[in-house]
Amino acid sequence: VVGRVDELRLEVRDMRKELRTNTNQLEFVTTGLRSLE
C-alpha cells in the first residue's frame, strides 16, 4: 500500500506538471487570440 501510494503521488506530481504546461500553453494561445481580435 505504501509503495502504491508513493506511485500515485508521483503520478499526481506528473499530472500537475502537465497541467501547468497546458495552462501556460492555453494562456499563450489566449493572448494570441486577444491580439488577433
PDB file of all heavy atoms in Angstrom:
ATOM      1  N   VAL A   1       0.843  -1.203   0.000  1.00  0.00           N
ATOM      2  CA  VAL A   1       0.000   0.000   0.000  1.00  0.00           C
ATOM      3  C   VAL A   1       0.877   1.251   0.000  1.00  0.00           C
ATOM      4  O   VAL A   1       0.629   2.190  -0.761  1.00  0.00           O
ATOM      5  CB  VAL A   1      -0.971   0.004   1.208  1.00  0.00           C
ATOM      6  CG1 VAL A   1      -1.648   1.358   1.365  1.00  0.00           C
ATOM      7  CG2 VAL A   1      -2.001  -1.100   1.065  1.00  0.00           C
ATOM      8  N   VAL A   2       1.902   1.261   0.814  1.00  0.00           N
ATOM      9  CA  VAL A   2       2.813   2.407   0.865  1.00  0.00           C
ATOM     10  C   VAL A   2       3.479   2.603  -0.497  1.00  0.00           C
ATOM     11  O   VAL A   2       3.585   3.732  -0.997  1.00  0.00           O
ATOM     12  CB  VAL A   2       3.869   2.237   1.982  1.00  0.00           C
ATOM     13  CG1 VAL A   2       4.985   3.260   1.851  1.00  0.00           C
ATOM     14  CG2 VAL A   2       3.208   2.342   3.349  1.00  0.00           C
ATOM     15  N   GLY A   3       3.903   1.522  -1.120  1.00  0.00           N
ATOM     16  CA  GLY A   3       4.523   1.607  -2.452  1.00  0.00           C
ATOM     17  C   GLY A   3       3.549   2.171  -3.474  1.00  0.00           C
ATOM     18  O   GLY A   3       3.906   3.026  -4.291  1.00  0.00           O
ATOM     19  N   ARG A   4       2.303   1.697  -3.422  1.00  0.00           N
ATOM     20  CA  ARG A   4       1.290   2.188  -4.380  1.00  0.00           C
ATOM     21  C   ARG A   4       0.977   3.666  -4.128  1.00  0.00           C
ATOM     22  O   ARG A   4       0.817   4.427  -5.076  1.00  0.00           O
ATOM     23  CB  ARG A   4       0.019   1.336  -4.260  1.00  0.00           C
ATOM     24  CG  ARG A   4      -1.028   1.682  -5.253  1.00  0.00           C
ATOM     25  CD  ARG A   4      -0.559   1.375  -6.683  1.00  0.00           C
ATOM     26  NE  ARG A   4      -1.563   1.832  -7.614  1.00  0.00           N
ATOM     27  CZ  ARG A   4      -1.322   2.550  -8.689  1.00  0.00           C
ATOM     28  NH1 ARG A   4      -0.078   2.850  -9.009  1.00  0.00           N
ATOM     29  NH2 ARG A   4      -2.285   2.937  -9.468  1.00  0.00           N
ATOM     30  N   VAL A   5       0.909   4.040  -2.861  1.00  0.00           N
ATOM     31  CA  VAL A   5       0.670   5.457  -2.528  1.00  0.00           C
ATOM     32  C   VAL A   5       1.808   6.316  -3.073  1.00  0.00           C
ATOM     33  O   VAL A   5       1.576   7.395  -3.637  1.00  0.00           O
ATOM     34  CB  VAL A   5       0.493   5.646  -1.003  1.00  0.00           C
ATOM     35  CG1 VAL A   5       0.547   7.112  -0.619  1.00  0.00           C
ATOM     36  CG2 VAL A   5      -0.820   5.023  -0.535  1.00  0.00           C
ATOM     37  N   ASP A   6       3.026   5.850  -2.938  1.00  0.00           N
ATOM     38  CA  ASP A   6       4.165   6.592  -3.486  1.00  0.00           C
ATOM     39  C   ASP A   6       4.063   6.725  -5.004  1.00  0.00           C
ATOM     40  O   ASP A   6       4.338   7.786  -5.566  1.00  0.00           O
ATOM     41  CB  ASP A   6       5.492   5.908  -3.113  1.00  0.00           C
ATOM     42  CG  ASP A   6       5.853   6.092  -1.645  1.00  0.00           C
ATOM     43  OD1 ASP A   6       5.274   7.008  -1.008  1.00  0.00           O
ATOM     44  OD2 ASP A   6       6.694   5.326  -1.143  1.00  0.00           O
ATOM     45  N   GLU A   7       3.658   5.631  -5.664  1.00  0.00           N
ATOM     46  CA  GLU A   7       3.476   5.681  -7.122  1.00  0.00           C
ATOM     47  C   GLU A   7       2.404   6.701  -7.493  1.00  0.00           C
ATOM     48  O   GLU A   7       2.571   7.492  -8.430  1.00  0.00           O
ATOM     49  CB  GLU A   7       3.069   4.306  -7.663  1.00  0.00           C
ATOM     50  CG  GLU A   7       4.167   3.270  -7.643  1.00  0.00           C
ATOM     51  CD  GLU A   7       3.653   1.887  -8.043  1.00  0.00           C
ATOM     52  OE1 GLU A   7       2.521   1.789  -8.572  1.00  0.00           O
ATOM     53  OE2 GLU A   7       4.373   0.903  -7.816  1.00  0.00           O
ATOM     54  N   LEU A   8       1.297   6.656  -6.761  1.00  0.00           N
ATOM     55  CA  LEU A   8       0.206   7.595  -7.039  1.00  0.00           C
ATOM     56  C   LEU A   8       0.647   9.038  -6.803  1.00  0.00           C
ATOM     57  O   LEU A   8       0.278   9.942  -7.552  1.00  0.00           O
ATOM     58  CB  LEU A   8      -1.023   7.263  -6.178  1.00  0.00           C
ATOM     59  CG  LEU A   8      -1.749   5.973  -6.551  1.00  0.00           C
ATOM     60  CD1 LEU A   8      -2.826   5.662  -5.519  1.00  0.00           C
ATOM     61  CD2 LEU A   8      -2.358   6.069  -7.936  1.00  0.00           C
ATOM     62  N   ARG A   9       1.442   9.238  -5.779  1.00  0.00           N
ATOM     63  CA  ARG A   9       1.968  10.577  -5.500  1.00  0.00           C
ATOM     64  C   ARG A   9       2.803  11.086  -6.677  1.00  0.00           C
ATOM     65  O   ARG A   9       2.680  12.236  -7.092  1.00  0.00           O
ATOM     66  CB  ARG A   9       2.831  10.521  -4.248  1.00  0.00           C
ATOM     67  CG  ARG A   9       2.556  11.627  -3.299  1.00  0.00           C
ATOM     68  CD  ARG A   9       3.469  11.563  -2.092  1.00  0.00           C
ATOM     69  NE  ARG A   9       2.650  11.234  -0.943  1.00  0.00           N
ATOM     70  CZ  ARG A   9       3.076  10.673   0.158  1.00  0.00           C
ATOM     71  NH1 ARG A   9       4.331  10.345   0.279  1.00  0.00           N
ATOM     72  NH2 ARG A   9       2.263  10.435   1.149  1.00  0.00           N
ATOM     73  N   LEU A  10       3.637  10.207  -7.224  1.00  0.00           N
ATOM     74  CA  LEU A  10       4.457  10.582  -8.377  1.00  0.00           C
ATOM     75  C   LEU A  10       3.585  10.881  -9.600  1.00  0.00           C
ATOM     76  O   LEU A  10       3.834  11.833 -10.339  1.00  0.00           O
ATOM     77  CB  LEU A  10       5.468   9.476  -8.695  1.00  0.00           C
ATOM     78  CG  LEU A  10       6.590   9.277  -7.679  1.00  0.00           C
ATOM     79  CD1 LEU A  10       7.409   8.046  -8.045  1.00  0.00           C
ATOM     80  CD2 LEU A  10       7.469  10.504  -7.578  1.00  0.00           C
ATOM     81  N   GLU A  11       2.551  10.059  -9.799  1.00  0.00           N
ATOM     82  CA  GLU A  11       1.651  10.284 -10.919  1.00  0.00           C
ATOM     83  C   GLU A  11       0.935  11.629 -10.786  1.00  0.00           C
ATOM     84  O   GLU A  11       0.805  12.372 -11.760  1.00  0.00           O
ATOM     85  CB  GLU A  11       0.622   9.150 -11.025  1.00  0.00           C
ATOM     86  CG  GLU A  11       1.200   7.849 -11.532  1.00  0.00           C
ATOM     87  CD  GLU A  11       0.166   6.732 -11.577  1.00  0.00           C
ATOM     88  OE1 GLU A  11      -1.040   7.027 -11.669  1.00  0.00           O
ATOM     89  OE2 GLU A  11       0.571   5.558 -11.519  1.00  0.00           O
ATOM     90  N   VAL A  12       0.495  11.935  -9.578  1.00  0.00           N
ATOM     91  CA  VAL A  12      -0.183  13.218  -9.336  1.00  0.00           C
ATOM     92  C   VAL A  12       0.795  14.370  -9.591  1.00  0.00           C
ATOM     93  O   VAL A  12       0.425  15.381 -10.206  1.00  0.00           O
ATOM     94  CB  VAL A  12      -0.767  13.283  -7.906  1.00  0.00           C
ATOM     95  CG1 VAL A  12      -1.201  14.694  -7.549  1.00  0.00           C
ATOM     96  CG2 VAL A  12      -1.928  12.309  -7.764  1.00  0.00           C
ATOM     97  N   ARG A  13       2.031  14.221  -9.159  1.00  0.00           N
ATOM     98  CA  ARG A  13       3.038  15.251  -9.400  1.00  0.00           C
ATOM     99  C   ARG A  13       3.240  15.478 -10.900  1.00  0.00           C
ATOM    100  O   ARG A  13       3.282  16.606 -11.382  1.00  0.00           O
ATOM    101  CB  ARG A  13       4.361  14.872  -8.743  1.00  0.00           C
ATOM    102  CG  ARG A  13       5.392  15.996  -8.807  1.00  0.00           C
ATOM    103  CD  ARG A  13       6.758  15.551  -8.403  1.00  0.00           C
ATOM    104  NE  ARG A  13       7.244  14.645  -9.448  1.00  0.00           N
ATOM    105  CZ  ARG A  13       8.249  13.795  -9.293  1.00  0.00           C
ATOM    106  NH1 ARG A  13       8.877  13.708  -8.158  1.00  0.00           N
ATOM    107  NH2 ARG A  13       8.637  13.033 -10.295  1.00  0.00           N
ATOM    108  N   ASP A  14       3.323  14.365 -11.644  1.00  0.00           N
ATOM    109  CA  ASP A  14       3.484  14.470 -13.095  1.00  0.00           C
ATOM    110  C   ASP A  14       2.272  15.141 -13.740  1.00  0.00           C
ATOM    111  O   ASP A  14       2.407  15.949 -14.652  1.00  0.00           O
ATOM    112  CB  ASP A  14       3.717  13.088 -13.712  1.00  0.00           C
ATOM    113  CG  ASP A  14       5.069  12.496 -13.322  1.00  0.00           C
ATOM    114  OD1 ASP A  14       5.938  13.255 -12.849  1.00  0.00           O
ATOM    115  OD2 ASP A  14       5.233  11.267 -13.496  1.00  0.00           O
ATOM    116  N   MET A  15       1.085  14.783 -13.253  1.00  0.00           N
ATOM    117  CA  MET A  15      -0.128  15.405 -13.800  1.00  0.00           C
ATOM    118  C   MET A  15      -0.153  16.903 -13.522  1.00  0.00           C
ATOM    119  O   MET A  15      -0.596  17.687 -14.360  1.00  0.00           O
ATOM    120  CB  MET A  15      -1.374  14.734 -13.210  1.00  0.00           C
ATOM    121  CG  MET A  15      -1.673  13.384 -13.805  1.00  0.00           C
ATOM    122  SD  MET A  15      -3.274  12.816 -13.211  1.00  0.00           S
ATOM    123  CE  MET A  15      -2.850  11.221 -12.595  1.00  0.00           C
ATOM    124  N   ARG A  16       0.308  17.288 -12.353  1.00  0.00           N
ATOM    125  CA  ARG A  16       0.375  18.722 -12.034  1.00  0.00           C
ATOM    126  C   ARG A  16       1.310  19.445 -12.995  1.00  0.00           C
ATOM    127  O   ARG A  16       1.005  20.537 -13.467  1.00  0.00           O
ATOM    128  CB  ARG A  16       0.861  18.930 -10.598  1.00  0.00           C
ATOM    129  CG  ARG A  16      -0.175  18.695  -9.561  1.00  0.00           C
ATOM    130  CD  ARG A  16       0.379  18.999  -8.187  1.00  0.00           C
ATOM    131  NE  ARG A  16      -0.578  18.658  -7.156  1.00  0.00           N
ATOM    132  CZ  ARG A  16      -0.253  18.404  -5.903  1.00  0.00           C
ATOM    133  NH1 ARG A  16       1.006  18.432  -5.525  1.00  0.00           N
ATOM    134  NH2 ARG A  16      -1.184  18.110  -5.026  1.00  0.00           N
ATOM    135  N   LYS A  17       2.444  18.825 -13.280  1.00  0.00           N
ATOM    136  CA  LYS A  17       3.386  19.432 -14.230  1.00  0.00           C
ATOM    137  C   LYS A  17       2.738  19.592 -15.606  1.00  0.00           C
ATOM    138  O   LYS A  17       2.858  20.628 -16.246  1.00  0.00           O
ATOM    139  CB  LYS A  17       4.657  18.579 -14.357  1.00  0.00           C
ATOM    140  CG  LYS A  17       5.586  18.678 -13.187  1.00  0.00           C
ATOM    141  CD  LYS A  17       6.806  17.780 -13.405  1.00  0.00           C
ATOM    142  CE  LYS A  17       7.733  17.773 -12.229  1.00  0.00           C
ATOM    143  NZ  LYS A  17       8.865  16.856 -12.421  1.00  0.00           N
ATOM    144  N   GLU A  18       2.054  18.526 -16.045  1.00  0.00           N
ATOM    145  CA  GLU A  18       1.378  18.583 -17.341  1.00  0.00           C
ATOM    146  C   GLU A  18       0.294  19.656 -17.341  1.00  0.00           C
ATOM    147  O   GLU A  18       0.139  20.399 -18.320  1.00  0.00           O
ATOM    148  CB  GLU A  18       0.757  17.225 -17.680  1.00  0.00           C
ATOM    149  CG  GLU A  18       1.761  16.169 -18.050  1.00  0.00           C
ATOM    150  CD  GLU A  18       1.111  14.817 -18.329  1.00  0.00           C
ATOM    151  OE1 GLU A  18      -0.070  14.797 -18.738  1.00  0.00           O
ATOM    152  OE2 GLU A  18       1.776  13.796 -18.113  1.00  0.00           O
ATOM    153  N   LEU A  19      -0.435  19.751 -16.247  1.00  0.00           N
ATOM    154  CA  LEU A  19      -1.490  20.753 -16.141  1.00  0.00           C
ATOM    155  C   LEU A  19      -0.897  22.164 -16.201  1.00  0.00           C
ATOM    156  O   LEU A  19      -1.432  23.040 -16.880  1.00  0.00           O
ATOM    157  CB  LEU A  19      -2.282  20.560 -14.844  1.00  0.00           C
ATOM    158  CG  LEU A  19      -3.444  21.508 -14.619  1.00  0.00           C
ATOM    159  CD1 LEU A  19      -4.477  21.369 -15.736  1.00  0.00           C
ATOM    160  CD2 LEU A  19      -4.091  21.240 -13.270  1.00  0.00           C
ATOM    161  N   ARG A  20       0.213  22.376 -15.519  1.00  0.00           N
ATOM    162  CA  ARG A  20       0.877  23.685 -15.573  1.00  0.00           C
ATOM    163  C   ARG A  20       1.319  24.009 -16.998  1.00  0.00           C
ATOM    164  O   ARG A  20       1.147  25.120 -17.476  1.00  0.00           O
ATOM    165  CB  ARG A  20       2.077  23.721 -14.631  1.00  0.00           C
ATOM    166  CG  ARG A  20       1.710  24.133 -13.237  1.00  0.00           C
ATOM    167  CD  ARG A  20       2.956  24.384 -12.375  1.00  0.00           C
ATOM    168  NE  ARG A  20       2.776  23.619 -11.159  1.00  0.00           N
ATOM    169  CZ  ARG A  20       3.519  22.613 -10.743  1.00  0.00           C
ATOM    170  NH1 ARG A  20       4.572  22.248 -11.419  1.00  0.00           N
ATOM    171  NH2 ARG A  20       3.246  21.966  -9.637  1.00  0.00           N
ATOM    172  N   THR A  21       1.891  23.002 -17.662  1.00  0.00           N
ATOM    173  CA  THR A  21       2.331  23.190 -19.043  1.00  0.00           C
ATOM    174  C   THR A  21       1.137  23.526 -19.935  1.00  0.00           C
ATOM    175  O   THR A  21       1.189  24.473 -20.728  1.00  0.00           O
ATOM    176  CB  THR A  21       3.034  21.925 -19.569  1.00  0.00           C
ATOM    177  OG1 THR A  21       4.170  21.655 -18.753  1.00  0.00           O
ATOM    178  CG2 THR A  21       3.460  22.091 -21.013  1.00  0.00           C
ATOM    179  N   ASN A  22       0.055  22.772 -19.794  1.00  0.00           N
ATOM    180  CA  ASN A  22      -1.142  23.020 -20.595  1.00  0.00           C
ATOM    181  C   ASN A  22      -1.745  24.391 -20.287  1.00  0.00           C
ATOM    182  O   ASN A  22      -2.211  25.085 -21.190  1.00  0.00           O
ATOM    183  CB  ASN A  22      -2.187  21.921 -20.368  1.00  0.00           C
ATOM    184  CG  ASN A  22      -1.748  20.591 -20.949  1.00  0.00           C
ATOM    185  OD1 ASN A  22      -0.884  20.530 -21.820  1.00  0.00           O
ATOM    186  ND2 ASN A  22      -2.334  19.519 -20.469  1.00  0.00           N
ATOM    187  N   THR A  23      -1.716  24.765 -19.017  1.00  0.00           N
ATOM    188  CA  THR A  23      -2.238  26.076 -18.626  1.00  0.00           C
ATOM    189  C   THR A  23      -1.409  27.182 -19.264  1.00  0.00           C
ATOM    190  O   THR A  23      -1.957  28.159 -19.785  1.00  0.00           O
ATOM    191  CB  THR A  23      -2.236  26.219 -17.089  1.00  0.00           C
ATOM    192  OG1 THR A  23      -3.046  25.182 -16.529  1.00  0.00           O
ATOM    193  CG2 THR A  23      -2.768  27.565 -16.662  1.00  0.00           C
ATOM    194  N   ASN A  24      -0.095  27.026 -19.256  1.00  0.00           N
ATOM    195  CA  ASN A  24       0.775  28.029 -19.880  1.00  0.00           C
ATOM    196  C   ASN A  24       0.518  28.123 -21.380  1.00  0.00           C
ATOM    197  O   ASN A  24       0.468  29.212 -21.949  1.00  0.00           O
ATOM    198  CB  ASN A  24       2.251  27.709 -19.618  1.00  0.00           C
ATOM    199  CG  ASN A  24       2.640  27.917 -18.175  1.00  0.00           C
ATOM    200  OD1 ASN A  24       1.980  28.647 -17.444  1.00  0.00           O
ATOM    201  ND2 ASN A  24       3.699  27.268 -17.749  1.00  0.00           N
ATOM    202  N   GLN A  25       0.351  26.968 -22.011  1.00  0.00           N
ATOM    203  CA  GLN A  25       0.072  26.960 -23.449  1.00  0.00           C
ATOM    204  C   GLN A  25      -1.280  27.609 -23.735  1.00  0.00           C
ATOM    205  O   GLN A  25      -1.418  28.376 -24.693  1.00  0.00           O
ATOM    206  CB  GLN A  25       0.087  25.526 -23.992  1.00  0.00           C
ATOM    207  CG  GLN A  25       1.463  24.919 -24.033  1.00  0.00           C
ATOM    208  CD  GLN A  25       1.438  23.446 -24.417  1.00  0.00           C
ATOM    209  OE1 GLN A  25       0.394  22.816 -24.447  1.00  0.00           O
ATOM    210  NE2 GLN A  25       2.612  22.897 -24.696  1.00  0.00           N
ATOM    211  N   LEU A  26      -2.256  27.332 -22.896  1.00  0.00           N
ATOM    212  CA  LEU A  26      -3.576  27.920 -23.065  1.00  0.00           C
ATOM    213  C   LEU A  26      -3.511  29.439 -22.904  1.00  0.00           C
ATOM    214  O   LEU A  26      -4.129  30.181 -23.673  1.00  0.00           O
ATOM    215  CB  LEU A  26      -4.565  27.320 -22.065  1.00  0.00           C
ATOM    216  CG  LEU A  26      -5.997  27.827 -22.130  1.00  0.00           C
ATOM    217  CD1 LEU A  26      -6.603  27.528 -23.492  1.00  0.00           C
ATOM    218  CD2 LEU A  26      -6.831  27.204 -21.032  1.00  0.00           C
ATOM    219  N   GLU A  27      -2.760  29.904 -21.924  1.00  0.00           N
ATOM    220  CA  GLU A  27      -2.603  31.348 -21.726  1.00  0.00           C
ATOM    221  C   GLU A  27      -1.928  31.984 -22.937  1.00  0.00           C
ATOM    222  O   GLU A  27      -2.303  33.078 -23.367  1.00  0.00           O
ATOM    223  CB  GLU A  27      -1.804  31.629 -20.449  1.00  0.00           C
ATOM    224  CG  GLU A  27      -2.588  31.343 -19.182  1.00  0.00           C
ATOM    225  CD  GLU A  27      -1.745  31.444 -17.926  1.00  0.00           C
ATOM    226  OE1 GLU A  27      -0.528  31.724 -18.019  1.00  0.00           O
ATOM    227  OE2 GLU A  27      -2.314  31.226 -16.837  1.00  0.00           O
ATOM    228  N   PHE A  28      -0.937  31.304 -23.513  1.00  0.00           N
ATOM    229  CA  PHE A  28      -0.247  31.814 -24.692  1.00  0.00           C
ATOM    230  C   PHE A  28      -1.215  31.926 -25.866  1.00  0.00           C
ATOM    231  O   PHE A  28      -1.257  32.942 -26.564  1.00  0.00           O
ATOM    232  CB  PHE A  28       0.930  30.896 -25.044  1.00  0.00           C
ATOM    233  CG  PHE A  28       1.665  31.291 -26.278  1.00  0.00           C
ATOM    234  CD1 PHE A  28       2.535  32.373 -26.271  1.00  0.00           C
ATOM    235  CD2 PHE A  28       1.486  30.589 -27.467  1.00  0.00           C
ATOM    236  CE1 PHE A  28       3.216  32.738 -27.420  1.00  0.00           C
ATOM    237  CE2 PHE A  28       2.157  30.950 -28.609  1.00  0.00           C
ATOM    238  CZ  PHE A  28       3.029  32.030 -28.593  1.00  0.00           C
ATOM    239  N   VAL A  29      -2.009  30.883 -26.071  1.00  0.00           N
ATOM    240  CA  VAL A  29      -2.979  30.885 -27.170  1.00  0.00           C
ATOM    241  C   VAL A  29      -4.035  31.964 -26.936  1.00  0.00           C
ATOM    242  O   VAL A  29      -4.419  32.685 -27.863  1.00  0.00           O
ATOM    243  CB  VAL A  29      -3.630  29.486 -27.328  1.00  0.00           C
ATOM    244  CG1 VAL A  29      -4.823  29.539 -28.257  1.00  0.00           C
ATOM    245  CG2 VAL A  29      -2.603  28.489 -27.836  1.00  0.00           C
ATOM    246  N   THR A  30      -4.490  32.092 -25.703  1.00  0.00           N
ATOM    247  CA  THR A  30      -5.492  33.107 -25.369  1.00  0.00           C
ATOM    248  C   THR A  30      -4.952  34.509 -25.648  1.00  0.00           C
ATOM    249  O   THR A  30      -5.655  35.348 -26.219  1.00  0.00           O
ATOM    250  CB  THR A  30      -5.906  32.982 -23.887  1.00  0.00           C
ATOM    251  OG1 THR A  30      -6.434  31.675 -23.661  1.00  0.00           O
ATOM    252  CG2 THR A  30      -6.955  34.012 -23.516  1.00  0.00           C
ATOM    253  N   THR A  31      -3.710  34.747 -25.294  1.00  0.00           N
ATOM    254  CA  THR A  31      -3.089  36.042 -25.562  1.00  0.00           C
ATOM    255  C   THR A  31      -3.024  36.296 -27.065  1.00  0.00           C
ATOM    256  O   THR A  31      -3.327  37.391 -27.541  1.00  0.00           O
ATOM    257  CB  THR A  31      -1.672  36.097 -24.946  1.00  0.00           C
ATOM    258  OG1 THR A  31      -1.781  35.876 -23.535  1.00  0.00           O
ATOM    259  CG2 THR A  31      -0.997  37.420 -25.210  1.00  0.00           C
ATOM    260  N   GLY A  32      -2.647  35.274 -27.811  1.00  0.00           N
ATOM    261  CA  GLY A  32      -2.592  35.403 -29.269  1.00  0.00           C
ATOM    262  C   GLY A  32      -3.956  35.697 -29.856  1.00  0.00           C
ATOM    263  O   GLY A  32      -4.092  36.516 -30.773  1.00  0.00           O
ATOM    264  N   LEU A  33      -4.987  35.035 -29.339  1.00  0.00           N
ATOM    265  CA  LEU A  33      -6.346  35.265 -29.842  1.00  0.00           C
ATOM    266  C   LEU A  33      -6.818  36.682 -29.521  1.00  0.00           C
ATOM    267  O   LEU A  33      -7.484  37.317 -30.336  1.00  0.00           O
ATOM    268  CB  LEU A  33      -7.314  34.240 -29.247  1.00  0.00           C
ATOM    269  CG  LEU A  33      -7.188  32.831 -29.807  1.00  0.00           C
ATOM    270  CD1 LEU A  33      -8.100  31.872 -29.050  1.00  0.00           C
ATOM    271  CD2 LEU A  33      -7.513  32.801 -31.288  1.00  0.00           C
ATOM    272  N   ARG A  34      -6.474  37.169 -28.336  1.00  0.00           N
ATOM    273  CA  ARG A  34      -6.850  38.550 -27.986  1.00  0.00           C
ATOM    274  C   ARG A  34      -6.172  39.536 -28.929  1.00  0.00           C
ATOM    275  O   ARG A  34      -6.782  40.512 -29.363  1.00  0.00           O
ATOM    276  CB  ARG A  34      -6.471  38.844 -26.541  1.00  0.00           C
ATOM    277  CG  ARG A  34      -7.413  38.220 -25.547  1.00  0.00           C
ATOM    278  CD  ARG A  34      -7.143  38.676 -24.129  1.00  0.00           C
ATOM    279  NE  ARG A  34      -7.965  37.940 -23.208  1.00  0.00           N
ATOM    280  CZ  ARG A  34      -7.523  37.307 -22.139  1.00  0.00           C
ATOM    281  NH1 ARG A  34      -6.238  37.340 -21.841  1.00  0.00           N
ATOM    282  NH2 ARG A  34      -8.349  36.648 -21.357  1.00  0.00           N
ATOM    283  N   SER A  35      -4.912  39.287 -29.222  1.00  0.00           N
ATOM    284  CA  SER A  35      -4.179  40.153 -30.150  1.00  0.00           C
ATOM    285  C   SER A  35      -4.827  40.112 -31.529  1.00  0.00           C
ATOM    286  O   SER A  35      -5.011  41.146 -32.177  1.00  0.00           O
ATOM    287  CB  SER A  35      -2.721  39.710 -30.229  1.00  0.00           C
ATOM    288  OG  SER A  35      -2.034  40.421 -31.221  1.00  0.00           O
ATOM    289  N   LEU A  36      -5.159  38.917 -31.971  1.00  0.00           N
ATOM    290  CA  LEU A  36      -5.805  38.755 -33.270  1.00  0.00           C
ATOM    291  C   LEU A  36      -7.163  39.463 -33.290  1.00  0.00           C
ATOM    292  O   LEU A  36      -7.510  40.126 -34.273  1.00  0.00           O
ATOM    293  CB  LEU A  36      -5.978  37.269 -33.577  1.00  0.00           C
ATOM    294  CG  LEU A  36      -6.568  36.902 -34.926  1.00  0.00           C
ATOM    295  CD1 LEU A  36      -5.693  37.435 -36.061  1.00  0.00           C
ATOM    296  CD2 LEU A  36      -6.715  35.399 -35.034  1.00  0.00           C
ATOM    297  N   GLU A  37      -7.898  39.344 -32.210  1.00  0.00           N
ATOM    298  CA  GLU A  37      -9.205  40.004 -32.121  1.00  0.00           C
ATOM    299  C   GLU A  37      -9.053  41.521 -32.232  1.00  0.00           C
ATOM    300  O   GLU A  37      -9.824  42.175 -32.930  1.00  0.00           O
ATOM    301  CB  GLU A  37      -9.878  39.634 -30.794  1.00  0.00           C
ATOM    302  CG  GLU A  37     -11.267  40.203 -30.634  1.00  0.00           C
ATOM    303  CD  GLU A  37     -11.899  39.793 -29.309  1.00  0.00           C
ATOM    304  OE1 GLU A  37     -11.167  39.411 -28.376  1.00  0.00           O
ATOM    305  OE2 GLU A  37     -13.127  39.867 -29.223  1.00  0.00           O
TER     306      GLU A  37
END
